[in-house]
């Protein structure tokens, strides 16, 4: 199964695939492209085809692979940031509307890759009404750019320059 990425995603080279495998601690599954690179030059977000080679639906279009960013998201989750964000969704109509738009953007990005009926209307990260995974919200925000996913933008701001001081080759 092959597909052409859109939205500025770069084709996945053998070297990129090896880096992603190292980042994940396992071989990556399915067809993907690099959707966003860390300032260090390594893939940090991959854009995945919504159906795995064995036919299984895969709803996570944007997948965070950078271990440092992933560790930062996990830290924020353990600090209760998801509960705070979800509470804000219930109180801030403009934020809820922007998050709904992020959900619609995510679905549009996926349908441009393939129509997978089993996951129609389902995006990721709890969108559009809940906050379930900061990793996917950050991945979407990085791949789509500022202003598309407001909660992903908040995660990015909270993490700051996660790749510093040692770059991607440094330890966590």
Protein backbone atom coordinates (compact mmCIF):
# COMPACT_ATOMS: atom_id res chain seq x y z
CA UNK A 1 0.00 0.00 0.00
CA UNK A 2 1.51 3.33 -1.02
CA UNK A 3 0.20 6.81 -0.74
CA UNK A 4 1.31 10.36 -1.41
CA UNK A 5 1.55 12.66 1.55
CA UNK A 6 0.07 16.12 1.41
CA UNK A 7 0.49 19.26 3.44
CA UNK A 8 4.26 19.50 3.20
CA UNK A 9 5.01 16.11 4.72
CA UNK A 10 8.29 14.67 3.50
CA UNK A 11 8.66 11.14 2.18
CA UNK A 12 10.03 8.69 4.70
CA UNK A 13 13.61 7.74 3.88
CA UNK A 14 15.21 4.54 5.10
CA UNK A 15 17.24 6.62 7.55
CA UNK A 16 14.08 8.33 8.84
CA UNK A 17 12.39 4.96 9.28
CA UNK A 18 15.39 3.72 11.27
CA UNK A 19 15.30 6.81 13.50
CA UNK A 20 11.56 6.37 14.10
CA UNK A 21 12.11 2.69 14.96
CA UNK A 22 14.79 3.70 17.45
CA UNK A 23 12.56 6.42 18.91
CA UNK A 24 9.63 4.02 19.33
CA UNK A 25 11.71 1.05 20.42
CA UNK A 26 10.03 -1.05 17.72
CA UNK A 27 9.59 -1.04 13.96
CA UNK A 28 7.00 1.53 12.84
CA UNK A 29 3.73 0.08 11.56
CA UNK A 30 2.19 0.99 8.24
CA UNK A 31 2.84 3.64 5.66
CA UNK A 32 3.94 7.03 6.91
CA UNK A 33 5.72 10.22 6.06
CA UNK A 34 7.58 12.74 8.19
CA UNK A 35 5.09 15.45 9.16
CA UNK A 36 7.39 17.55 11.38
CA UNK A 37 11.08 17.50 12.19
CA UNK A 38 12.70 18.55 15.42
CA UNK A 39 15.15 21.45 15.08
CA UNK A 40 17.79 18.70 15.43
CA UNK A 41 16.64 17.41 12.04
CA UNK A 42 15.19 14.10 13.19
CA UNK A 43 11.57 13.08 12.62
CA UNK A 44 9.44 14.05 15.61
CA UNK A 45 5.94 13.60 14.15
CA UNK A 46 4.90 11.12 11.50
CA UNK A 47 1.75 11.22 9.42
CA UNK A 48 0.34 7.71 9.24
CA UNK A 49 -2.00 6.11 6.74
CA UNK A 50 -5.38 5.45 8.39
CA UNK A 51 -5.32 1.77 7.50
CA UNK A 52 -2.48 -0.56 8.44
CA UNK A 53 -1.21 -3.03 5.83
CA UNK A 54 -3.20 -5.85 7.47
CA UNK A 55 -6.42 -3.82 7.00
CA UNK A 56 -6.76 -2.63 10.60
CA UNK A 57 -8.07 0.95 10.89
CA UNK A 58 -5.52 3.31 12.47
CA UNK A 59 -7.18 6.58 13.57
CA UNK A 60 -4.01 8.36 14.73
CA UNK A 61 -2.96 10.35 11.67
CA UNK A 62 -0.31 12.35 13.54
CA UNK A 63 1.93 10.27 15.77
CA UNK A 64 4.51 11.83 18.10
CA UNK A 65 7.76 9.84 17.85
CA UNK A 66 10.28 12.10 19.62
CA UNK A 67 11.09 10.51 22.99
CA UNK A 68 11.88 13.86 24.63
CA UNK A 69 8.60 15.44 23.51
CA UNK A 70 6.74 12.27 24.46
CA UNK A 71 8.30 12.28 27.94
CA UNK A 72 7.32 15.93 28.32
CA UNK A 73 3.72 15.15 27.36
CA UNK A 74 3.64 12.28 29.85
CA UNK A 75 4.93 14.61 32.57
CA UNK A 76 2.22 17.17 31.79
CA UNK A 77 -0.43 14.44 31.83
CA UNK A 78 0.77 13.26 35.25
CA UNK A 79 0.53 16.85 36.50
CA UNK A 80 -3.19 16.99 35.66
CA UNK A 81 -2.97 19.24 32.60
CA UNK A 82 -5.58 17.17 30.73
CA UNK A 83 -8.17 17.74 33.49
CA UNK A 84 -7.43 21.47 33.43
CA UNK A 85 -7.78 21.62 29.65
CA UNK A 86 -11.01 19.67 29.68
CA UNK A 87 -12.43 21.97 32.37
CA UNK A 88 -11.46 24.96 30.23
CA UNK A 89 -13.34 23.45 27.28
CA UNK A 90 -16.50 23.47 29.40
CA UNK A 91 -16.03 27.10 30.42
CA UNK A 92 -14.63 28.80 27.31
CA UNK A 93 -16.96 28.73 24.31
CA UNK A 94 -14.32 30.14 21.93
CA UNK A 95 -11.82 27.49 23.00
CA UNK A 96 -14.42 24.75 22.55
CA UNK A 97 -15.23 26.05 19.06
CA UNK A 98 -11.52 26.18 18.14
CA UNK A 99 -11.08 22.63 19.44
CA UNK A 100 -14.08 21.53 17.34
CA UNK A 101 -12.36 23.10 14.32
CA UNK A 102 -9.16 21.20 15.18
CA UNK A 103 -11.18 17.98 15.19
CA UNK A 104 -12.61 18.82 11.77
CA UNK A 105 -9.13 19.65 10.44
CA UNK A 106 -7.84 16.30 11.69
CA UNK A 107 -10.68 14.45 9.97
CA UNK A 108 -10.09 16.35 6.74
CA UNK A 109 -6.38 15.47 6.82
CA UNK A 110 -7.28 11.80 7.27
CA UNK A 111 -9.92 11.67 4.56
CA UNK A 112 -7.37 13.10 2.13
CA UNK A 113 -5.31 9.97 2.77
CA UNK A 114 -8.16 7.45 2.68
CA UNK A 115 -11.80 7.00 3.60
CA UNK A 116 -11.96 4.46 6.42
CA UNK A 117 -15.61 3.94 7.30
CA UNK A 118 -14.88 2.18 10.60
CA UNK A 119 -13.36 5.32 12.10
CA UNK A 120 -15.47 7.95 10.35
CA UNK A 121 -16.00 10.95 12.59
CA UNK A 122 -13.41 9.80 15.13
CA UNK A 123 -10.29 11.91 15.37
CA UNK A 124 -7.79 11.58 18.22
CA UNK A 125 -6.82 12.91 21.60
CA UNK A 126 -10.44 13.13 22.77
CA UNK A 127 -11.39 15.76 20.20
CA UNK A 128 -13.82 17.44 19.95
CA UNK A 129 -15.20 17.36 23.50
CA UNK A 130 -12.60 15.67 25.73
CA UNK A 131 -8.86 15.70 26.33
CA UNK A 132 -7.43 12.17 26.39
CA UNK A 133 -3.88 12.38 25.02
CA UNK A 134 -1.51 15.33 24.99
CA UNK A 135 0.91 13.40 22.75
CA UNK A 136 -1.50 13.37 19.81
CA UNK A 137 -2.61 16.95 20.40
CA UNK A 138 1.01 18.10 20.27
CA UNK A 139 1.68 15.98 17.19
CA UNK A 140 -1.31 17.54 15.42
CA UNK A 141 -0.29 21.06 16.41
CA UNK A 142 3.29 20.59 15.22
CA UNK A 143 2.26 19.03 11.91
CA UNK A 144 -0.60 21.43 11.16
CA UNK A 145 1.11 24.59 12.40
CA UNK A 146 0.21 27.24 14.96
CA UNK A 147 -3.44 28.14 15.44
CA UNK A 148 -4.96 24.88 14.18
CA UNK A 149 -5.16 22.92 17.45
CA UNK A 150 -5.41 25.30 20.42
CA UNK A 151 -4.76 22.66 23.06
CA UNK A 152 -1.84 21.24 21.09
CA UNK A 153 -0.45 24.77 20.90
CA UNK A 154 -0.78 25.01 24.70
CA UNK A 155 1.12 21.74 25.11
CA UNK A 156 3.88 23.01 22.83
CA UNK A 157 4.14 26.25 24.84
CA UNK A 158 4.22 24.34 28.13
CA UNK A 159 7.03 22.07 26.91
CA UNK A 160 9.18 24.83 25.49
CA UNK A 161 12.36 23.72 23.69
CA UNK A 162 12.27 20.07 24.78
CA UNK A 163 15.26 19.20 22.54
CA UNK A 164 17.63 21.45 24.54
CA UNK A 165 20.20 21.52 26.07
CA UNK A 166 21.70 18.44 24.42
CA UNK A 167 19.66 18.05 21.25
CA UNK A 168 18.07 14.80 20.17
CA UNK A 169 21.23 12.83 20.82
CA UNK A 170 21.24 13.82 24.49
CA UNK A 171 19.68 11.70 27.19
CA UNK A 172 16.35 12.52 28.78
